[in-house]
N, C-alpha and C. Protein backbone atom coordinates (compact mmCIF):
# COMPACT_ATOMS: atom_id res chain seq x y z
N MET A 1 97.97 56.74 110.98
CA MET A 1 97.97 57.44 109.71
C MET A 1 99.42 57.66 109.27
N PRO A 2 99.77 57.37 108.02
CA PRO A 2 101.14 57.58 107.55
C PRO A 2 101.45 59.07 107.47
N ILE A 3 102.72 59.39 107.65
CA ILE A 3 103.16 60.79 107.61
C ILE A 3 103.49 61.16 106.17
N SER A 4 102.93 62.30 105.73
CA SER A 4 103.14 62.78 104.36
C SER A 4 103.49 64.26 104.41
N PRO A 5 103.82 64.86 103.25
CA PRO A 5 104.09 66.30 103.23
C PRO A 5 102.88 67.14 103.66
N ARG A 6 101.69 66.56 103.65
CA ARG A 6 100.49 67.29 104.06
C ARG A 6 100.10 66.96 105.50
N SER A 7 101.04 66.45 106.29
CA SER A 7 100.75 66.08 107.67
C SER A 7 101.13 67.18 108.65
N LEU A 8 100.28 67.38 109.63
CA LEU A 8 100.57 68.24 110.76
C LEU A 8 100.78 67.34 111.96
N LEU A 9 102.02 67.23 112.41
CA LEU A 9 102.34 66.41 113.56
C LEU A 9 102.20 67.26 114.81
N VAL A 10 101.40 66.81 115.76
CA VAL A 10 101.18 67.57 116.99
C VAL A 10 101.54 66.71 118.18
N LEU A 11 102.46 67.22 118.99
CA LEU A 11 102.78 66.62 120.27
C LEU A 11 102.24 67.59 121.32
N ALA A 12 101.12 67.24 121.91
CA ALA A 12 100.48 68.09 122.91
C ALA A 12 100.89 67.59 124.29
N LEU A 13 101.88 68.23 124.87
CA LEU A 13 102.35 67.85 126.20
C LEU A 13 101.21 68.10 127.18
N ASP A 14 100.89 67.11 127.98
CA ASP A 14 99.78 67.19 128.94
C ASP A 14 98.45 67.47 128.26
N GLY A 15 98.29 67.06 126.99
CA GLY A 15 97.03 67.25 126.28
C GLY A 15 96.69 68.69 125.98
N ALA A 16 97.69 69.55 125.88
CA ALA A 16 97.47 70.99 125.69
C ALA A 16 96.66 71.30 124.44
N HIS A 17 95.61 72.08 124.60
CA HIS A 17 94.78 72.58 123.51
C HIS A 17 94.28 71.47 122.59
N ALA A 18 93.96 70.31 123.13
CA ALA A 18 93.59 69.14 122.33
C ALA A 18 92.43 69.41 121.38
N ASP A 19 91.50 70.26 121.76
CA ASP A 19 90.32 70.51 120.92
C ASP A 19 90.62 71.40 119.72
N VAL A 20 91.74 72.09 119.72
CA VAL A 20 92.07 73.07 118.68
C VAL A 20 92.71 72.42 117.44
N TRP A 21 93.49 71.39 117.62
CA TRP A 21 94.31 70.85 116.53
C TRP A 21 93.51 70.32 115.35
N PRO A 22 92.41 69.60 115.55
CA PRO A 22 91.65 69.14 114.37
C PRO A 22 91.15 70.30 113.51
N ARG A 23 90.66 71.35 114.16
CA ARG A 23 90.16 72.50 113.41
C ARG A 23 91.29 73.23 112.68
N LEU A 24 92.41 73.43 113.35
CA LEU A 24 93.55 74.10 112.70
C LEU A 24 94.04 73.29 111.51
N ALA A 25 94.17 71.99 111.67
CA ALA A 25 94.63 71.14 110.57
C ALA A 25 93.67 71.23 109.39
N ARG A 26 92.38 71.15 109.67
CA ARG A 26 91.36 71.22 108.62
C ARG A 26 91.43 72.57 107.89
N GLU A 27 91.52 73.67 108.64
CA GLU A 27 91.58 75.00 108.04
C GLU A 27 92.83 75.21 107.18
N ALA A 28 93.92 74.56 107.56
CA ALA A 28 95.16 74.68 106.80
C ALA A 28 95.27 73.64 105.69
N GLY A 29 94.28 72.74 105.59
CA GLY A 29 94.31 71.71 104.55
C GLY A 29 95.33 70.62 104.83
N LEU A 30 95.54 70.32 106.10
CA LEU A 30 96.54 69.32 106.50
C LEU A 30 95.86 68.13 107.18
N ASP A 31 96.57 67.01 107.18
CA ASP A 31 96.10 65.81 107.87
C ASP A 31 96.71 65.82 109.28
N LEU A 32 95.88 65.74 110.30
CA LEU A 32 96.35 65.76 111.67
C LEU A 32 96.90 64.40 112.07
N VAL A 33 98.11 64.41 112.59
CA VAL A 33 98.73 63.20 113.13
C VAL A 33 99.19 63.54 114.54
N ARG A 34 98.51 62.97 115.52
CA ARG A 34 98.93 63.19 116.91
C ARG A 34 100.06 62.22 117.22
N VAL A 35 101.15 62.76 117.76
CA VAL A 35 102.29 61.91 118.07
C VAL A 35 102.48 61.87 119.58
N ALA A 36 103.06 60.79 120.05
CA ALA A 36 103.21 60.58 121.49
C ALA A 36 104.60 60.92 122.01
N SER A 37 105.55 61.11 121.08
CA SER A 37 106.91 61.39 121.55
C SER A 37 107.65 62.25 120.53
N LEU A 38 108.75 62.81 120.96
CA LEU A 38 109.57 63.66 120.10
C LEU A 38 110.22 62.89 118.97
N GLU A 39 110.43 61.58 119.14
CA GLU A 39 111.08 60.77 118.11
C GLU A 39 110.32 60.81 116.79
N ALA A 40 109.02 60.98 116.83
CA ALA A 40 108.20 60.99 115.61
C ALA A 40 108.61 62.14 114.68
N PHE A 41 109.11 63.22 115.22
CA PHE A 41 109.51 64.36 114.40
C PHE A 41 110.75 64.05 113.56
N HIS A 42 111.62 63.20 114.04
CA HIS A 42 112.86 62.91 113.31
C HIS A 42 112.65 62.09 112.05
N GLY A 43 111.55 61.36 111.96
CA GLY A 43 111.29 60.57 110.77
C GLY A 43 110.38 61.27 109.77
N ALA A 44 110.16 62.57 109.94
CA ALA A 44 109.17 63.27 109.12
C ALA A 44 109.75 64.55 108.53
N SER A 45 110.66 64.43 107.60
CA SER A 45 111.37 65.60 107.09
C SER A 45 110.52 66.55 106.27
N ARG A 46 109.38 66.10 105.72
CA ARG A 46 108.58 67.00 104.88
C ARG A 46 107.21 67.30 105.48
N ALA A 47 107.06 67.11 106.76
CA ALA A 47 105.80 67.42 107.43
C ALA A 47 105.97 68.75 108.19
N ILE A 48 104.96 69.12 108.94
CA ILE A 48 104.99 70.33 109.76
C ILE A 48 104.70 69.89 111.18
N GLY A 49 105.36 70.50 112.15
CA GLY A 49 105.18 70.07 113.53
C GLY A 49 104.79 71.18 114.48
N ILE A 50 104.10 70.79 115.53
CA ILE A 50 103.76 71.68 116.63
C ILE A 50 104.00 70.91 117.92
N VAL A 51 104.69 71.56 118.85
CA VAL A 51 104.81 71.04 120.20
C VAL A 51 104.08 72.05 121.08
N ALA A 52 103.09 71.57 121.82
CA ALA A 52 102.25 72.47 122.61
C ALA A 52 102.31 72.10 124.08
N ALA A 53 102.28 73.14 124.92
CA ALA A 53 102.20 72.94 126.36
C ALA A 53 101.25 74.00 126.90
N ASP A 54 100.59 73.68 127.96
CA ASP A 54 99.60 74.60 128.51
C ASP A 54 100.26 75.57 129.49
N GLY A 55 101.03 76.52 128.95
CA GLY A 55 101.64 77.56 129.77
C GLY A 55 102.97 77.21 130.39
N ASP A 56 103.49 76.02 130.18
CA ASP A 56 104.74 75.62 130.81
C ASP A 56 105.90 75.80 129.82
N ALA A 57 106.51 76.98 129.84
CA ALA A 57 107.60 77.29 128.92
C ALA A 57 108.82 76.41 129.19
N GLY A 58 109.05 76.06 130.43
CA GLY A 58 110.19 75.20 130.78
C GLY A 58 110.06 73.83 130.14
N GLN A 59 108.86 73.29 130.16
CA GLN A 59 108.61 71.98 129.55
C GLN A 59 108.81 72.06 128.03
N LEU A 60 108.35 73.15 127.42
CA LEU A 60 108.54 73.34 125.98
C LEU A 60 110.01 73.47 125.63
N CYS A 61 110.75 74.29 126.38
CA CYS A 61 112.18 74.48 126.12
C CYS A 61 112.93 73.15 126.22
N ALA A 62 112.60 72.36 127.23
CA ALA A 62 113.25 71.06 127.39
C ALA A 62 112.97 70.16 126.18
N ALA A 63 111.74 70.20 125.69
CA ALA A 63 111.39 69.39 124.52
C ALA A 63 112.19 69.83 123.29
N PHE A 64 112.31 71.13 123.06
CA PHE A 64 113.05 71.60 121.89
C PHE A 64 114.54 71.34 122.02
N ARG A 65 115.08 71.43 123.23
CA ARG A 65 116.50 71.10 123.40
C ARG A 65 116.73 69.61 123.12
N GLU A 66 115.78 68.78 123.51
CA GLU A 66 115.89 67.34 123.25
C GLU A 66 115.78 67.04 121.75
N LEU A 67 114.98 67.82 121.03
CA LEU A 67 114.84 67.62 119.59
C LEU A 67 116.15 67.89 118.85
N ALA A 68 116.87 68.90 119.25
CA ALA A 68 118.18 69.25 118.67
C ALA A 68 118.21 69.15 117.15
N ASN A 69 117.98 70.25 116.48
CA ASN A 69 118.01 70.35 115.02
C ASN A 69 117.01 69.42 114.33
N PRO A 70 115.74 69.64 114.55
CA PRO A 70 114.74 68.79 113.89
C PRO A 70 114.76 68.99 112.38
N PRO A 71 114.39 67.97 111.60
CA PRO A 71 114.44 68.06 110.14
C PRO A 71 113.24 68.76 109.52
N LEU A 72 112.32 69.29 110.31
CA LEU A 72 111.12 69.93 109.79
C LEU A 72 110.82 71.17 110.63
N PRO A 73 110.02 72.11 110.09
CA PRO A 73 109.66 73.28 110.88
C PRO A 73 108.71 72.89 112.01
N ILE A 74 109.05 73.30 113.23
CA ILE A 74 108.22 72.97 114.39
C ILE A 74 107.98 74.25 115.18
N ALA A 75 106.72 74.54 115.42
CA ALA A 75 106.34 75.71 116.21
C ALA A 75 106.07 75.30 117.65
N ALA A 76 106.39 76.22 118.56
CA ALA A 76 106.04 76.04 119.97
C ALA A 76 104.76 76.82 120.22
N VAL A 77 103.77 76.18 120.81
CA VAL A 77 102.49 76.83 121.09
C VAL A 77 102.17 76.63 122.57
N ALA A 78 101.84 77.73 123.23
CA ALA A 78 101.52 77.65 124.65
C ALA A 78 100.56 78.76 125.03
N SER A 79 100.17 78.76 126.28
CA SER A 79 99.32 79.81 126.82
C SER A 79 100.19 80.72 127.68
N GLY A 80 99.95 82.01 127.56
CA GLY A 80 100.57 82.96 128.47
C GLY A 80 102.08 83.04 128.48
N LEU A 81 102.72 82.89 127.34
CA LEU A 81 104.18 83.02 127.29
C LEU A 81 104.56 84.49 127.35
N ASP A 82 105.67 84.79 128.03
CA ASP A 82 106.19 86.14 127.99
C ASP A 82 107.34 86.21 126.99
N HIS A 83 107.88 87.40 126.82
CA HIS A 83 108.95 87.63 125.84
C HIS A 83 110.18 86.76 126.12
N ARG A 84 110.58 86.66 127.37
CA ARG A 84 111.77 85.88 127.72
C ARG A 84 111.59 84.39 127.36
N ALA A 85 110.40 83.87 127.62
CA ALA A 85 110.12 82.47 127.29
C ALA A 85 110.16 82.26 125.78
N ALA A 86 109.61 83.22 125.02
CA ALA A 86 109.63 83.11 123.55
C ALA A 86 111.06 83.10 123.03
N VAL A 87 111.90 83.96 123.55
CA VAL A 87 113.31 84.01 123.14
C VAL A 87 113.99 82.69 123.48
N ALA A 88 113.74 82.19 124.68
CA ALA A 88 114.35 80.92 125.09
C ALA A 88 113.92 79.78 124.17
N LEU A 89 112.65 79.78 123.76
CA LEU A 89 112.16 78.73 122.86
C LEU A 89 112.81 78.83 121.48
N CYS A 90 112.97 80.04 120.97
CA CYS A 90 113.66 80.20 119.68
C CYS A 90 115.10 79.73 119.78
N ARG A 91 115.76 80.07 120.85
CA ARG A 91 117.15 79.62 121.04
C ARG A 91 117.24 78.11 121.18
N ALA A 92 116.20 77.51 121.73
CA ALA A 92 116.17 76.05 121.90
C ALA A 92 115.85 75.32 120.60
N GLY A 93 115.39 76.08 119.55
CA GLY A 93 115.18 75.44 118.25
C GLY A 93 113.79 75.56 117.67
N ALA A 94 112.88 76.27 118.32
CA ALA A 94 111.54 76.43 117.76
C ALA A 94 111.61 77.29 116.50
N SER A 95 110.91 76.88 115.44
CA SER A 95 110.85 77.67 114.21
C SER A 95 110.05 78.94 114.44
N GLU A 96 109.06 78.84 115.28
CA GLU A 96 108.15 79.97 115.57
C GLU A 96 107.55 79.72 116.94
N VAL A 97 107.13 80.79 117.61
CA VAL A 97 106.51 80.68 118.93
C VAL A 97 105.18 81.44 118.90
N PHE A 98 104.12 80.78 119.36
CA PHE A 98 102.79 81.38 119.36
C PHE A 98 102.12 81.24 120.72
N VAL A 99 101.37 82.26 121.10
CA VAL A 99 100.46 82.19 122.24
C VAL A 99 99.09 81.98 121.61
N LEU A 100 98.57 80.79 121.71
CA LEU A 100 97.41 80.38 120.92
C LEU A 100 96.19 81.28 121.11
N GLU A 101 95.88 81.65 122.33
CA GLU A 101 94.67 82.43 122.58
C GLU A 101 94.70 83.77 121.84
N ARG A 102 95.87 84.38 121.74
CA ARG A 102 95.98 85.69 121.09
C ARG A 102 96.32 85.59 119.62
N GLU A 103 96.92 84.50 119.19
CA GLU A 103 97.50 84.45 117.86
C GLU A 103 96.99 83.31 116.99
N TYR A 104 95.76 82.88 117.22
CA TYR A 104 95.21 81.79 116.43
C TYR A 104 95.30 82.05 114.92
N PRO A 105 94.92 83.26 114.41
CA PRO A 105 95.03 83.50 112.97
C PRO A 105 96.47 83.40 112.47
N LEU A 106 97.42 83.79 113.30
CA LEU A 106 98.82 83.71 112.90
C LEU A 106 99.30 82.26 112.84
N VAL A 107 98.82 81.44 113.76
CA VAL A 107 99.18 80.01 113.74
C VAL A 107 98.67 79.39 112.44
N ARG A 108 97.41 79.69 112.11
CA ARG A 108 96.83 79.13 110.88
C ARG A 108 97.60 79.61 109.65
N THR A 109 97.94 80.90 109.59
CA THR A 109 98.69 81.43 108.46
C THR A 109 100.05 80.75 108.36
N TRP A 110 100.72 80.56 109.50
CA TRP A 110 102.02 79.89 109.50
C TRP A 110 101.89 78.47 108.94
N LEU A 111 100.84 77.77 109.35
CA LEU A 111 100.62 76.40 108.85
C LEU A 111 100.36 76.41 107.35
N VAL A 112 99.53 77.33 106.88
CA VAL A 112 99.22 77.40 105.45
C VAL A 112 100.49 77.71 104.65
N GLU A 113 101.29 78.64 105.14
CA GLU A 113 102.54 78.97 104.44
C GLU A 113 103.46 77.76 104.35
N ARG A 114 103.60 77.03 105.46
CA ARG A 114 104.46 75.84 105.45
C ARG A 114 103.87 74.76 104.54
N ALA A 115 102.56 74.59 104.57
CA ALA A 115 101.91 73.55 103.77
C ALA A 115 102.07 73.83 102.28
N THR A 116 101.98 75.08 101.87
CA THR A 116 102.08 75.40 100.44
C THR A 116 103.49 75.20 99.92
N ALA A 117 104.46 75.17 100.80
CA ALA A 117 105.84 74.91 100.35
C ALA A 117 105.98 73.50 99.80
N PHE A 118 105.09 72.59 100.20
CA PHE A 118 105.16 71.20 99.78
C PHE A 118 104.18 70.83 98.67
N VAL A 119 103.38 71.79 98.22
CA VAL A 119 102.35 71.49 97.22
C VAL A 119 102.99 71.35 95.84
N PRO A 120 102.71 70.26 95.12
CA PRO A 120 103.28 70.09 93.78
C PRO A 120 102.72 71.12 92.80
N ASN A 121 103.46 71.39 91.74
CA ASN A 121 103.01 72.34 90.71
C ASN A 121 101.69 71.88 90.11
N GLY A 122 100.91 72.86 89.67
CA GLY A 122 99.65 72.54 89.02
C GLY A 122 98.46 72.51 89.96
N VAL A 123 98.68 72.54 91.27
CA VAL A 123 97.59 72.53 92.22
C VAL A 123 97.16 73.97 92.46
N HIS A 124 95.85 74.22 92.44
CA HIS A 124 95.35 75.57 92.67
C HIS A 124 95.58 75.97 94.13
N LEU A 125 96.24 77.10 94.31
CA LEU A 125 96.49 77.62 95.64
C LEU A 125 95.72 78.92 95.83
N GLU A 126 95.41 79.23 97.05
CA GLU A 126 94.76 80.49 97.35
C GLU A 126 95.77 81.62 97.17
N ARG A 127 95.30 82.72 96.62
CA ARG A 127 96.19 83.86 96.36
C ARG A 127 96.66 84.47 97.67
N LEU A 128 97.91 84.95 97.66
CA LEU A 128 98.52 85.52 98.85
C LEU A 128 97.74 86.74 99.35
N ASP A 129 97.30 87.62 98.43
CA ASP A 129 96.57 88.81 98.88
C ASP A 129 95.25 88.42 99.57
N THR A 130 94.65 87.33 99.15
CA THR A 130 93.42 86.85 99.79
C THR A 130 93.72 86.34 101.19
N ILE A 131 94.81 85.60 101.33
CA ILE A 131 95.21 85.08 102.64
C ILE A 131 95.53 86.23 103.59
N ILE A 132 96.24 87.23 103.10
CA ILE A 132 96.61 88.37 103.94
C ILE A 132 95.37 89.12 104.40
N ARG A 133 94.45 89.41 103.47
CA ARG A 133 93.23 90.14 103.84
C ARG A 133 92.42 89.35 104.88
N ARG A 134 92.30 88.05 104.69
CA ARG A 134 91.54 87.22 105.63
C ARG A 134 92.22 87.23 107.00
N THR A 135 93.54 87.08 107.02
CA THR A 135 94.27 87.04 108.29
C THR A 135 94.17 88.37 109.03
N VAL A 136 94.30 89.48 108.29
CA VAL A 136 94.19 90.80 108.92
C VAL A 136 92.77 90.99 109.47
N GLY A 137 91.77 90.60 108.70
CA GLY A 137 90.39 90.71 109.17
C GLY A 137 90.14 89.88 110.42
N GLU A 138 90.70 88.68 110.46
CA GLU A 138 90.53 87.82 111.63
C GLU A 138 91.26 88.38 112.84
N ALA A 139 92.42 89.00 112.60
CA ALA A 139 93.16 89.61 113.70
C ALA A 139 92.37 90.76 114.31
N VAL A 140 91.75 91.58 113.45
CA VAL A 140 90.92 92.69 113.94
C VAL A 140 89.73 92.13 114.73
N GLU A 141 89.12 91.08 114.21
CA GLU A 141 88.00 90.44 114.90
C GLU A 141 88.43 89.88 116.25
N ALA A 142 89.61 89.22 116.29
CA ALA A 142 90.11 88.64 117.53
C ALA A 142 90.43 89.71 118.57
N CYS A 143 90.69 90.93 118.10
CA CYS A 143 91.00 92.04 119.01
C CYS A 143 89.75 92.87 119.30
N GLY A 144 88.59 92.32 119.02
CA GLY A 144 87.35 93.01 119.31
C GLY A 144 87.15 94.28 118.50
N GLY A 145 87.70 94.33 117.29
CA GLY A 145 87.56 95.50 116.44
C GLY A 145 88.62 96.57 116.66
N ASN A 146 89.50 96.38 117.62
CA ASN A 146 90.53 97.36 117.92
C ASN A 146 91.66 97.22 116.89
N LYS A 147 91.69 98.12 115.91
CA LYS A 147 92.66 98.03 114.81
C LYS A 147 94.09 98.30 115.28
N SER A 148 94.26 99.20 116.24
CA SER A 148 95.60 99.48 116.75
C SER A 148 96.20 98.24 117.41
N ASP A 149 95.39 97.55 118.21
CA ASP A 149 95.85 96.34 118.88
C ASP A 149 96.14 95.24 117.85
N ALA A 150 95.27 95.10 116.86
CA ALA A 150 95.48 94.08 115.83
C ALA A 150 96.76 94.36 115.05
N ALA A 151 96.99 95.62 114.70
CA ALA A 151 98.22 95.98 113.97
C ALA A 151 99.45 95.66 114.80
N ARG A 152 99.41 95.98 116.08
CA ARG A 152 100.55 95.71 116.97
C ARG A 152 100.82 94.20 117.03
N ARG A 153 99.76 93.40 117.16
CA ARG A 153 99.94 91.94 117.23
C ARG A 153 100.45 91.35 115.92
N LEU A 154 100.08 91.97 114.79
CA LEU A 154 100.55 91.49 113.49
C LEU A 154 101.94 92.03 113.15
N GLY A 155 102.41 93.00 113.94
CA GLY A 155 103.74 93.57 113.69
C GLY A 155 103.76 94.55 112.53
N ILE A 156 102.64 95.22 112.28
CA ILE A 156 102.56 96.21 111.20
C ILE A 156 101.97 97.50 111.77
N SER A 157 102.08 98.59 111.01
CA SER A 157 101.50 99.85 111.45
C SER A 157 99.99 99.83 111.26
N ARG A 158 99.30 100.71 111.99
CA ARG A 158 97.85 100.79 111.86
C ARG A 158 97.47 101.25 110.45
N THR A 159 98.27 102.16 109.89
CA THR A 159 98.02 102.63 108.52
C THR A 159 98.13 101.48 107.54
N ARG A 160 99.15 100.64 107.68
CA ARG A 160 99.32 99.49 106.80
C ARG A 160 98.14 98.52 106.95
N LEU A 161 97.70 98.31 108.19
CA LEU A 161 96.56 97.44 108.43
C LEU A 161 95.33 97.97 107.70
N GLN A 162 95.08 99.26 107.79
CA GLN A 162 93.91 99.84 107.12
C GLN A 162 94.02 99.70 105.60
N ARG A 163 95.21 99.89 105.05
CA ARG A 163 95.41 99.70 103.61
C ARG A 163 95.12 98.26 103.20
N LEU A 164 95.58 97.32 104.01
CA LEU A 164 95.34 95.91 103.70
C LEU A 164 93.86 95.56 103.76
N LEU A 165 93.15 96.16 104.70
CA LEU A 165 91.71 95.90 104.80
C LEU A 165 90.95 96.49 103.62
N ARG A 166 91.40 97.63 103.10
CA ARG A 166 90.73 98.29 101.97
C ARG A 166 91.14 97.72 100.62
N ALA A 167 92.31 97.11 100.56
CA ALA A 167 92.87 96.66 99.27
C ALA A 167 91.94 95.68 98.57
N GLU A 168 91.76 95.91 97.29
CA GLU A 168 90.99 94.99 96.46
C GLU A 168 91.93 93.89 95.97
N PRO A 169 91.45 92.65 95.89
CA PRO A 169 92.30 91.60 95.32
C PRO A 169 92.70 91.98 93.90
N ARG A 170 93.95 91.75 93.58
CA ARG A 170 94.46 92.10 92.26
C ARG A 170 93.96 91.12 91.22
N ASN A 171 93.68 91.64 90.04
CA ASN A 171 93.25 90.81 88.93
C ASN A 171 94.47 90.12 88.36
N ARG A 172 94.48 88.83 88.43
CA ARG A 172 95.64 88.05 88.02
C ARG A 172 95.96 88.23 86.54
N SER A 173 94.93 88.47 85.71
CA SER A 173 95.17 88.56 84.28
C SER A 173 95.55 89.96 83.83
N SER A 174 95.48 90.94 84.74
CA SER A 174 95.81 92.29 84.32
C SER A 174 97.31 92.42 84.09
N ASN A 175 97.66 93.00 82.97
CA ASN A 175 99.05 93.18 82.60
C ASN A 175 99.22 94.63 82.13
N PRO A 176 99.75 95.51 83.00
CA PRO A 176 99.84 96.92 82.65
C PRO A 176 100.70 97.16 81.41
N VAL A 177 101.70 96.36 81.16
CA VAL A 177 102.55 96.54 79.99
C VAL A 177 101.73 96.27 78.73
N ALA A 178 100.97 95.19 78.72
CA ALA A 178 100.14 94.84 77.56
C ALA A 178 99.07 95.90 77.35
N GLU A 179 98.48 96.42 78.47
CA GLU A 179 97.45 97.44 78.34
C GLU A 179 98.00 98.70 77.70
N ARG A 180 99.24 99.11 78.06
CA ARG A 180 99.85 100.30 77.48
C ARG A 180 100.13 100.09 75.99
N ALA A 181 100.53 98.86 75.63
CA ALA A 181 100.83 98.57 74.24
C ALA A 181 99.58 98.63 73.36
N ASP A 182 98.42 98.26 73.96
CA ASP A 182 97.17 98.28 73.22
C ASP A 182 96.64 99.70 73.02
N ALA A 183 97.05 100.62 73.87
CA ALA A 183 96.50 101.97 73.83
C ALA A 183 97.03 102.78 72.67
């Protein structure tokens, strides 16, 4: 498959999380392109990349050091990473670091955000408030309904999380200035 701005390039070291990538690509509206080596990332300046390993932070760090300034955003995805491993991966060049089992909604949101950066004008995009509400809801669901845990994982306060869950989508056509002028 040719690489395009709507491509998700995945290098799954040791076949890491192989069953997840088709679903993630589909949910983010991207075309999945499985790559066999790091060289594929250098020829794809307008795609999105993921390098995944099944819990081996050392293997991931080595891959990112070998990439050395990739021309596209590439996330590191693994199982069971600790804080030190995440810092090492960021220093090695990862755009973002995710622990897939705990942060699946965040991975999808990251992919959607990167994908929309390449969408030409005139294409209908999902509203940001809708994406946020869905992501927050999925985070709460992933945490078994525990809102405090979901807020901590999203990096926001519990109060903010509750406001986001209650917030109604804004009416795009509402214009408070025009409404005041009509009154």
